[in-house]
Amino acid sequence: MLIIQTFILFILTVTSFGMDAGRILRGRVEKVIDGDSLIVREGKRKYEVRLWGIDCPEYGQPYGANAQKLSKALLLNKNAQVVVRTRDSYGRYVGVVYQGNLNVNEELVRRGAAWVYKHYCRESICDEWKSLESKARFEQRGLWKVKKQVAPWQWRRDTH
């Protein structure tokens, strides 16, 4: 019986994450946690949001503080829209964030503040973002000024 209850709870949890896809959060960005995570207030509710398809350097990595600073400049205390793609295992909304007409996920890649997170970003827009990342690398913008960069997912794996 416990196995069946656990399985049902698992199925409900997994399907509820998918039910948020397509939802649009509209609100004010109250906090930028790091380059790719923020808190959005929609009415009286606050939501933690992770930017979909990209990964910014972590705090302990070169350019981590710069990525956060850029995200703050683009979003902090401004109205934004989050087109929700899913929810992650931490319950955060994961989506594409817009400030006006600016696609912030894309802009962070363009300015060399983020990698395209190839493990999760597998749609046609990701191909465009990969091209922007390659151009930022070639032009040594942002984090690409540092010769030997370690992708955040690799850095997390190696340091934890």
N, C-alpha and C. Protein backbone atom coordinates (compact mmCIF):
# COMPACT_ATOMS: atom_id res chain seq x y z
N MET A 1 0.82 -1.20 0.00
CA MET A 1 0.00 0.00 0.00
C MET A 1 0.87 1.27 0.00
N LEU A 2 1.94 1.26 0.79
CA LEU A 2 2.84 2.41 0.86
C LEU A 2 3.48 2.68 -0.50
N ILE A 3 3.83 1.62 -1.20
CA ILE A 3 4.43 1.78 -2.53
C ILE A 3 3.45 2.45 -3.48
N ILE A 4 2.19 2.06 -3.43
CA ILE A 4 1.17 2.64 -4.31
C ILE A 4 0.96 4.12 -3.96
N GLN A 5 0.89 4.44 -2.67
CA GLN A 5 0.72 5.83 -2.25
C GLN A 5 1.91 6.69 -2.69
N THR A 6 3.10 6.16 -2.53
CA THR A 6 4.31 6.87 -2.94
C THR A 6 4.30 7.11 -4.45
N PHE A 7 3.91 6.11 -5.21
CA PHE A 7 3.84 6.23 -6.67
C PHE A 7 2.81 7.29 -7.08
N ILE A 8 1.64 7.28 -6.45
CA ILE A 8 0.60 8.25 -6.78
C ILE A 8 1.08 9.66 -6.45
N LEU A 9 1.72 9.84 -5.29
CA LEU A 9 2.25 11.15 -4.93
C LEU A 9 3.30 11.61 -5.94
N PHE A 10 4.17 10.70 -6.38
CA PHE A 10 5.17 11.02 -7.38
C PHE A 10 4.52 11.48 -8.69
N ILE A 11 3.52 10.74 -9.15
CA ILE A 11 2.83 11.08 -10.40
C ILE A 11 2.15 12.45 -10.28
N LEU A 12 1.49 12.70 -9.15
CA LEU A 12 0.83 13.99 -8.97
C LEU A 12 1.84 15.13 -8.96
N THR A 13 2.97 14.92 -8.33
CA THR A 13 4.01 15.94 -8.28
C THR A 13 4.56 16.23 -9.67
N VAL A 14 4.89 15.19 -10.41
CA VAL A 14 5.46 15.36 -11.76
C VAL A 14 4.46 16.02 -12.69
N THR A 15 3.21 15.60 -12.66
CA THR A 15 2.23 16.17 -13.58
C THR A 15 1.88 17.60 -13.19
N SER A 16 1.93 17.93 -11.89
CA SER A 16 1.62 19.31 -11.51
C SER A 16 2.69 20.27 -12.00
N PHE A 17 3.96 19.84 -12.08
CA PHE A 17 5.00 20.71 -12.62
C PHE A 17 4.72 21.03 -14.07
N GLY A 18 4.29 20.05 -14.85
CA GLY A 18 4.02 20.25 -16.26
C GLY A 18 2.80 21.13 -16.51
N MET A 19 1.87 21.17 -15.53
CA MET A 19 0.64 21.94 -15.70
C MET A 19 0.90 23.44 -15.72
N ASP A 20 2.05 23.86 -15.23
CA ASP A 20 2.36 25.29 -15.20
C ASP A 20 2.90 25.79 -16.54
N ALA A 21 3.27 24.89 -17.43
CA ALA A 21 3.83 25.29 -18.72
C ALA A 21 2.86 26.21 -19.44
N GLY A 22 3.38 27.32 -19.92
CA GLY A 22 2.56 28.29 -20.65
C GLY A 22 1.98 29.38 -19.76
N ARG A 23 2.01 29.19 -18.48
CA ARG A 23 1.53 30.22 -17.57
C ARG A 23 2.41 31.45 -17.71
N ILE A 24 1.82 32.60 -17.57
CA ILE A 24 2.60 33.84 -17.64
C ILE A 24 2.47 34.55 -16.30
N LEU A 25 3.62 34.75 -15.67
CA LEU A 25 3.68 35.55 -14.45
C LEU A 25 3.98 36.97 -14.86
N ARG A 26 3.24 37.91 -14.32
CA ARG A 26 3.51 39.32 -14.58
C ARG A 26 3.69 39.99 -13.23
N GLY A 27 4.84 40.58 -13.04
CA GLY A 27 5.06 41.21 -11.76
C GLY A 27 6.34 42.00 -11.71
N ARG A 28 6.63 42.46 -10.51
CA ARG A 28 7.82 43.27 -10.27
C ARG A 28 8.93 42.37 -9.73
N VAL A 29 10.13 42.55 -10.26
CA VAL A 29 11.28 41.77 -9.78
C VAL A 29 11.75 42.43 -8.50
N GLU A 30 11.58 41.70 -7.38
CA GLU A 30 11.94 42.24 -6.07
C GLU A 30 13.37 41.91 -5.68
N LYS A 31 13.90 40.83 -6.21
CA LYS A 31 15.25 40.42 -5.82
C LYS A 31 15.88 39.63 -6.96
N VAL A 32 17.15 39.87 -7.18
CA VAL A 32 17.94 39.06 -8.09
C VAL A 32 18.87 38.25 -7.21
N ILE A 33 18.63 36.95 -7.14
CA ILE A 33 19.38 36.07 -6.26
C ILE A 33 20.79 35.87 -6.81
N ASP A 34 20.86 35.55 -8.09
CA ASP A 34 22.13 35.44 -8.81
C ASP A 34 21.82 35.73 -10.27
N GLY A 35 22.75 35.46 -11.14
CA GLY A 35 22.55 35.82 -12.54
C GLY A 35 21.33 35.22 -13.20
N ASP A 36 20.94 34.03 -12.77
CA ASP A 36 19.82 33.35 -13.44
C ASP A 36 18.68 32.94 -12.50
N SER A 37 18.60 33.57 -11.34
CA SER A 37 17.51 33.29 -10.39
C SER A 37 17.01 34.59 -9.78
N LEU A 38 15.70 34.71 -9.62
CA LEU A 38 15.13 35.94 -9.10
C LEU A 38 13.82 35.68 -8.37
N ILE A 39 13.35 36.71 -7.69
CA ILE A 39 12.06 36.68 -7.02
C ILE A 39 11.16 37.70 -7.71
N VAL A 40 9.98 37.23 -8.13
CA VAL A 40 9.00 38.08 -8.79
C VAL A 40 7.75 38.15 -7.92
N ARG A 41 7.27 39.37 -7.68
CA ARG A 41 6.02 39.55 -6.95
C ARG A 41 4.91 39.79 -7.96
N GLU A 42 3.91 38.92 -7.92
CA GLU A 42 2.71 39.08 -8.75
C GLU A 42 1.55 39.28 -7.78
N GLY A 43 1.08 40.52 -7.68
CA GLY A 43 0.05 40.81 -6.68
C GLY A 43 0.63 40.65 -5.29
N LYS A 44 -0.01 39.81 -4.48
CA LYS A 44 0.46 39.58 -3.11
C LYS A 44 1.37 38.37 -3.00
N ARG A 45 1.56 37.65 -4.10
CA ARG A 45 2.37 36.43 -4.05
C ARG A 45 3.75 36.67 -4.63
N LYS A 46 4.72 35.96 -4.03
CA LYS A 46 6.10 36.01 -4.53
C LYS A 46 6.44 34.65 -5.12
N TYR A 47 7.18 34.66 -6.22
CA TYR A 47 7.58 33.44 -6.89
C TYR A 47 9.09 33.46 -7.13
N GLU A 48 9.72 32.34 -6.83
CA GLU A 48 11.13 32.22 -7.20
C GLU A 48 11.17 31.69 -8.63
N VAL A 49 11.98 32.33 -9.44
CA VAL A 49 12.06 32.02 -10.87
C VAL A 49 13.49 31.71 -11.24
N ARG A 50 13.66 30.68 -12.03
CA ARG A 50 14.96 30.29 -12.61
C ARG A 50 14.85 30.51 -14.10
N LEU A 51 15.83 31.18 -14.69
CA LEU A 51 15.78 31.43 -16.13
C LEU A 51 16.04 30.14 -16.89
N TRP A 52 15.15 29.83 -17.80
CA TRP A 52 15.19 28.59 -18.56
C TRP A 52 16.25 28.66 -19.66
N GLY A 53 16.92 27.54 -19.87
CA GLY A 53 17.78 27.38 -21.04
C GLY A 53 19.17 27.97 -20.93
N ILE A 54 19.45 28.65 -19.83
CA ILE A 54 20.77 29.26 -19.66
C ILE A 54 21.31 28.93 -18.27
N ASP A 55 22.59 29.16 -18.09
CA ASP A 55 23.21 28.96 -16.78
C ASP A 55 24.31 30.00 -16.63
N CYS A 56 24.17 30.85 -15.62
CA CYS A 56 25.17 31.88 -15.33
C CYS A 56 26.23 31.32 -14.40
N PRO A 57 27.41 31.93 -14.39
CA PRO A 57 28.45 31.50 -13.45
C PRO A 57 27.96 31.61 -12.00
N GLU A 58 28.43 30.70 -11.17
CA GLU A 58 28.09 30.72 -9.75
C GLU A 58 28.91 31.79 -9.04
N TYR A 59 28.51 32.09 -7.79
CA TYR A 59 29.21 33.13 -7.02
C TYR A 59 30.71 32.91 -6.95
N GLY A 60 31.15 31.70 -6.71
CA GLY A 60 32.58 31.43 -6.55
C GLY A 60 33.35 31.37 -7.85
N GLN A 61 32.66 31.50 -8.95
CA GLN A 61 33.31 31.42 -10.27
C GLN A 61 33.66 32.81 -10.78
N PRO A 62 34.69 32.88 -11.64
CA PRO A 62 34.95 34.15 -12.31
C PRO A 62 33.69 34.61 -13.04
N TYR A 63 33.37 35.87 -12.89
CA TYR A 63 32.26 36.55 -13.55
C TYR A 63 30.90 36.29 -12.91
N GLY A 64 30.84 35.49 -11.84
CA GLY A 64 29.56 35.24 -11.16
C GLY A 64 28.92 36.51 -10.64
N ALA A 65 29.70 37.35 -9.96
CA ALA A 65 29.16 38.61 -9.43
C ALA A 65 28.77 39.56 -10.57
N ASN A 66 29.52 39.52 -11.66
CA ASN A 66 29.19 40.38 -12.81
C ASN A 66 27.87 39.97 -13.45
N ALA A 67 27.62 38.65 -13.54
CA ALA A 67 26.36 38.17 -14.11
C ALA A 67 25.19 38.62 -13.25
N GLN A 68 25.35 38.53 -11.93
CA GLN A 68 24.29 38.99 -11.03
C GLN A 68 24.07 40.50 -11.20
N LYS A 69 25.15 41.25 -11.31
CA LYS A 69 25.05 42.70 -11.47
C LYS A 69 24.31 43.06 -12.76
N LEU A 70 24.60 42.34 -13.84
CA LEU A 70 23.91 42.59 -15.10
C LEU A 70 22.42 42.26 -14.98
N SER A 71 22.10 41.13 -14.36
CA SER A 71 20.68 40.77 -14.17
C SER A 71 19.96 41.83 -13.34
N LYS A 72 20.64 42.34 -12.31
CA LYS A 72 20.04 43.41 -11.50
C LYS A 72 19.77 44.63 -12.35
N ALA A 73 20.74 45.01 -13.18
CA ALA A 73 20.56 46.20 -14.03
C ALA A 73 19.38 46.01 -15.00
N LEU A 74 19.21 44.81 -15.48
CA LEU A 74 18.13 44.54 -16.45
C LEU A 74 16.77 44.39 -15.79
N LEU A 75 16.74 43.92 -14.52
CA LEU A 75 15.46 43.48 -13.96
C LEU A 75 15.05 44.07 -12.61
N LEU A 76 15.98 44.37 -11.75
CA LEU A 76 15.63 44.71 -10.37
C LEU A 76 14.70 45.93 -10.30
N ASN A 77 13.60 45.75 -9.55
CA ASN A 77 12.57 46.79 -9.36
C ASN A 77 11.87 47.20 -10.65
N LYS A 78 11.91 46.31 -11.62
CA LYS A 78 11.22 46.56 -12.89
C LYS A 78 10.13 45.51 -13.07
N ASN A 79 9.15 45.86 -13.89
CA ASN A 79 8.11 44.90 -14.22
C ASN A 79 8.65 43.92 -15.25
N ALA A 80 8.28 42.67 -15.09
CA ALA A 80 8.75 41.63 -16.01
C ALA A 80 7.63 40.63 -16.24
N GLN A 81 7.78 39.89 -17.32
CA GLN A 81 6.89 38.78 -17.61
C GLN A 81 7.73 37.52 -17.66
N VAL A 82 7.21 36.46 -17.07
CA VAL A 82 7.87 35.17 -17.10
C VAL A 82 6.96 34.21 -17.83
N VAL A 83 7.42 33.70 -18.97
CA VAL A 83 6.68 32.67 -19.69
C VAL A 83 7.19 31.34 -19.13
N VAL A 84 6.37 30.73 -18.31
CA VAL A 84 6.78 29.53 -17.58
C VAL A 84 6.88 28.34 -18.51
N ARG A 85 7.98 27.62 -18.40
CA ARG A 85 8.20 26.39 -19.17
C ARG A 85 7.90 25.16 -18.33
N THR A 86 8.29 25.24 -17.04
CA THR A 86 8.13 24.09 -16.15
C THR A 86 8.37 24.56 -14.72
N ARG A 87 8.39 23.63 -13.81
CA ARG A 87 8.85 23.87 -12.45
C ARG A 87 9.96 22.87 -12.19
N ASP A 88 10.95 23.31 -11.42
CA ASP A 88 12.07 22.40 -11.16
C ASP A 88 11.85 21.62 -9.87
N SER A 89 12.82 20.80 -9.54
CA SER A 89 12.68 19.93 -8.37
C SER A 89 12.64 20.71 -7.06
N TYR A 90 13.01 22.00 -7.09
CA TYR A 90 12.93 22.85 -5.91
C TYR A 90 11.61 23.62 -5.85
N GLY A 91 10.75 23.41 -6.84
CA GLY A 91 9.46 24.09 -6.88
C GLY A 91 9.51 25.46 -7.53
N ARG A 92 10.68 25.85 -8.03
CA ARG A 92 10.79 27.15 -8.69
C ARG A 92 10.16 27.10 -10.07
N TYR A 93 9.60 28.24 -10.49
CA TYR A 93 9.16 28.35 -11.87
C TYR A 93 10.40 28.52 -12.73
N VAL A 94 10.42 27.87 -13.85
CA VAL A 94 11.54 27.96 -14.80
C VAL A 94 10.96 28.51 -16.09
N GLY A 95 11.48 29.64 -16.54
CA GLY A 95 10.88 30.24 -17.72
C GLY A 95 11.76 31.24 -18.42
N VAL A 96 11.20 31.79 -19.48
CA VAL A 96 11.85 32.84 -20.24
C VAL A 96 11.33 34.16 -19.69
N VAL A 97 12.25 35.05 -19.34
CA VAL A 97 11.90 36.30 -18.69
C VAL A 97 12.04 37.45 -19.68
N TYR A 98 11.01 38.28 -19.70
CA TYR A 98 11.00 39.46 -20.57
C TYR A 98 10.86 40.71 -19.71
N GLN A 99 11.65 41.71 -20.05
CA GLN A 99 11.49 43.03 -19.47
C GLN A 99 11.14 43.92 -20.65
N GLY A 100 9.87 44.26 -20.75
CA GLY A 100 9.39 44.91 -21.97
C GLY A 100 9.51 43.92 -23.12
N ASN A 101 10.14 44.34 -24.21
CA ASN A 101 10.35 43.46 -25.36
C ASN A 101 11.67 42.70 -25.30
N LEU A 102 12.46 42.93 -24.25
CA LEU A 102 13.78 42.31 -24.15
C LEU A 102 13.67 40.91 -23.56
N ASN A 103 14.16 39.93 -24.29
CA ASN A 103 14.27 38.56 -23.79
C ASN A 103 15.55 38.52 -22.95
N VAL A 104 15.39 38.49 -21.63
CA VAL A 104 16.52 38.60 -20.72
C VAL A 104 17.43 37.37 -20.81
N ASN A 105 16.85 36.18 -20.94
CA ASN A 105 17.65 34.96 -21.07
C ASN A 105 18.63 35.12 -22.24
N GLU A 106 18.10 35.54 -23.37
CA GLU A 106 18.89 35.72 -24.57
C GLU A 106 19.94 36.83 -24.39
N GLU A 107 19.54 37.91 -23.75
CA GLU A 107 20.44 39.05 -23.55
C GLU A 107 21.64 38.67 -22.69
N LEU A 108 21.42 37.83 -21.68
CA LEU A 108 22.53 37.39 -20.84
C LEU A 108 23.54 36.57 -21.64
N VAL A 109 23.04 35.76 -22.55
CA VAL A 109 23.93 34.98 -23.42
C VAL A 109 24.67 35.93 -24.37
N ARG A 110 23.93 36.86 -24.97
CA ARG A 110 24.51 37.81 -25.93
C ARG A 110 25.65 38.61 -25.30
N ARG A 111 25.48 39.01 -24.05
CA ARG A 111 26.48 39.84 -23.39
C ARG A 111 27.60 39.04 -22.72
N GLY A 112 27.55 37.73 -22.88
CA GLY A 112 28.61 36.91 -22.31
C GLY A 112 28.48 36.71 -20.82
N ALA A 113 27.25 36.69 -20.31
CA ALA A 113 27.03 36.50 -18.88
C ALA A 113 26.44 35.12 -18.58
N ALA A 114 26.23 34.31 -19.62
CA ALA A 114 25.62 33.00 -19.40
C ALA A 114 25.99 32.04 -20.53
N TRP A 115 25.96 30.77 -20.18
CA TRP A 115 26.07 29.69 -21.15
C TRP A 115 24.67 29.28 -21.56
N VAL A 116 24.54 28.75 -22.76
CA VAL A 116 23.31 28.04 -23.11
C VAL A 116 23.40 26.70 -22.39
N TYR A 117 22.36 26.35 -21.66
CA TYR A 117 22.35 25.11 -20.88
C TYR A 117 21.89 23.99 -21.80
N LYS A 118 22.83 23.45 -22.56
CA LYS A 118 22.53 22.51 -23.64
C LYS A 118 21.76 21.27 -23.19
N HIS A 119 21.96 20.87 -21.94
CA HIS A 119 21.26 19.69 -21.42
C HIS A 119 19.74 19.90 -21.42
N TYR A 120 19.30 21.15 -21.18
CA TYR A 120 17.87 21.45 -21.10
C TYR A 120 17.36 22.25 -22.29
N CYS A 121 18.22 22.96 -22.96
CA CYS A 121 17.79 23.85 -24.04
C CYS A 121 17.98 23.13 -25.38
N ARG A 122 16.88 22.58 -25.86
CA ARG A 122 16.96 21.76 -27.08
C ARG A 122 15.93 22.15 -28.13
N GLU A 123 15.51 23.38 -28.11
CA GLU A 123 14.51 23.84 -29.06
C GLU A 123 15.16 24.78 -30.08
N SER A 124 14.40 25.19 -31.07
CA SER A 124 14.99 26.01 -32.14
C SER A 124 15.57 27.32 -31.59
N ILE A 125 14.93 27.92 -30.59
CA ILE A 125 15.48 29.15 -30.03
C ILE A 125 16.86 28.91 -29.43
N CYS A 126 17.11 27.70 -28.98
CA CYS A 126 18.41 27.36 -28.39
C CYS A 126 19.51 27.41 -29.43
N ASP A 127 19.19 27.07 -30.66
CA ASP A 127 20.18 27.17 -31.74
C ASP A 127 20.60 28.63 -31.94
N GLU A 128 19.61 29.54 -31.87
CA GLU A 128 19.92 30.97 -31.98
C GLU A 128 20.79 31.41 -30.81
N TRP A 129 20.45 30.95 -29.62
CA TRP A 129 21.22 31.31 -28.43
C TRP A 129 22.64 30.75 -28.50
N LYS A 130 22.80 29.54 -29.05
CA LYS A 130 24.14 28.96 -29.19
C LYS A 130 24.98 29.81 -30.14
N SER A 131 24.35 30.34 -31.18
CA SER A 131 25.07 31.23 -32.10
C SER A 131 25.51 32.51 -31.39
N LEU A 132 24.62 33.05 -30.55
CA LEU A 132 24.96 34.24 -29.78
C LEU A 132 26.09 33.95 -28.80
N GLU A 133 26.07 32.77 -28.19
CA GLU A 133 27.14 32.38 -27.28
C GLU A 133 28.47 32.27 -28.02
N SER A 134 28.45 31.66 -29.20
CA SER A 134 29.67 31.53 -30.00
C SER A 134 30.24 32.90 -30.37
N LYS A 135 29.35 33.81 -30.73
CA LYS A 135 29.79 35.16 -31.09
C LYS A 135 30.39 35.87 -29.87
N ALA A 136 29.74 35.73 -28.70
CA ALA A 136 30.27 36.35 -27.48
C ALA A 136 31.64 35.77 -27.14
N ARG A 137 31.80 34.46 -27.33
CA ARG A 137 33.11 33.81 -27.08
C ARG A 137 34.15 34.39 -28.03
N PHE A 138 33.81 34.45 -29.30
CA PHE A 138 34.75 34.94 -30.31
C PHE A 138 35.17 36.37 -30.02
N GLU A 139 34.20 37.20 -29.61
CA GLU A 139 34.47 38.61 -29.33
C GLU A 139 34.95 38.84 -27.89
N GLN A 140 35.10 37.77 -27.15
CA GLN A 140 35.57 37.80 -25.75
C GLN A 140 34.78 38.79 -24.90
N ARG A 141 33.45 38.67 -25.00
CA ARG A 141 32.57 39.50 -24.19
C ARG A 141 32.31 38.82 -22.86
N GLY A 142 32.21 39.63 -21.81
CA GLY A 142 31.81 39.14 -20.50
C GLY A 142 32.72 38.04 -19.97
N LEU A 143 32.13 36.94 -19.59
CA LEU A 143 32.90 35.84 -18.98
C LEU A 143 33.91 35.24 -19.94
N TRP A 144 33.76 35.48 -21.22
CA TRP A 144 34.66 34.89 -22.21
C TRP A 144 35.99 35.64 -22.29
N LYS A 145 36.15 36.70 -21.49
CA LYS A 145 37.45 37.35 -21.38
C LYS A 145 38.44 36.47 -20.64
N VAL A 146 37.92 35.60 -19.79
CA VAL A 146 38.76 34.66 -19.03
C VAL A 146 39.02 33.44 -19.92
N LYS A 147 40.28 33.11 -20.09
CA LYS A 147 40.66 32.05 -21.04
C LYS A 147 40.02 30.69 -20.74
N LYS A 148 40.19 30.20 -19.53
CA LYS A 148 39.73 28.85 -19.20
C LYS A 148 38.49 28.93 -18.32
N GLN A 149 37.36 28.98 -18.96
CA GLN A 149 36.09 29.01 -18.23
C GLN A 149 35.62 27.58 -17.96
N VAL A 150 34.99 27.40 -16.82
CA VAL A 150 34.37 26.12 -16.47
C VAL A 150 32.87 26.36 -16.41
N ALA A 151 32.11 25.59 -17.17
CA ALA A 151 30.66 25.75 -17.17
C ALA A 151 30.11 25.53 -15.76
N PRO A 152 29.08 26.27 -15.37
CA PRO A 152 28.57 26.17 -14.00
C PRO A 152 28.14 24.76 -13.60
N TRP A 153 27.54 24.02 -14.52
CA TRP A 153 27.12 22.66 -14.18
C TRP A 153 28.33 21.76 -13.88
N GLN A 154 29.42 22.02 -14.58
CA GLN A 154 30.67 21.28 -14.31
C GLN A 154 31.28 21.73 -12.99
N TRP A 155 31.29 23.03 -12.76
CA TRP A 155 31.83 23.60 -11.53
C TRP A 155 31.07 23.08 -10.31
N ARG A 156 29.71 23.05 -10.39
CA ARG A 156 28.92 22.53 -9.28
C ARG A 156 29.24 21.09 -9.00
N ARG A 157 29.39 20.31 -10.05
CA ARG A 157 29.70 18.88 -9.89
C ARG A 157 31.06 18.67 -9.26
N ASP A 158 32.03 19.50 -9.66
CA ASP A 158 33.40 19.36 -9.15
C ASP A 158 33.58 19.89 -7.74
N THR A 159 32.75 20.85 -7.33
CA THR A 159 32.93 21.46 -6.01
C THR A 159 31.96 20.93 -4.96
N HIS A 160 31.02 20.12 -5.35
CA HIS A 160 30.05 19.62 -4.37
C HIS A 160 30.13 18.15 -4.23
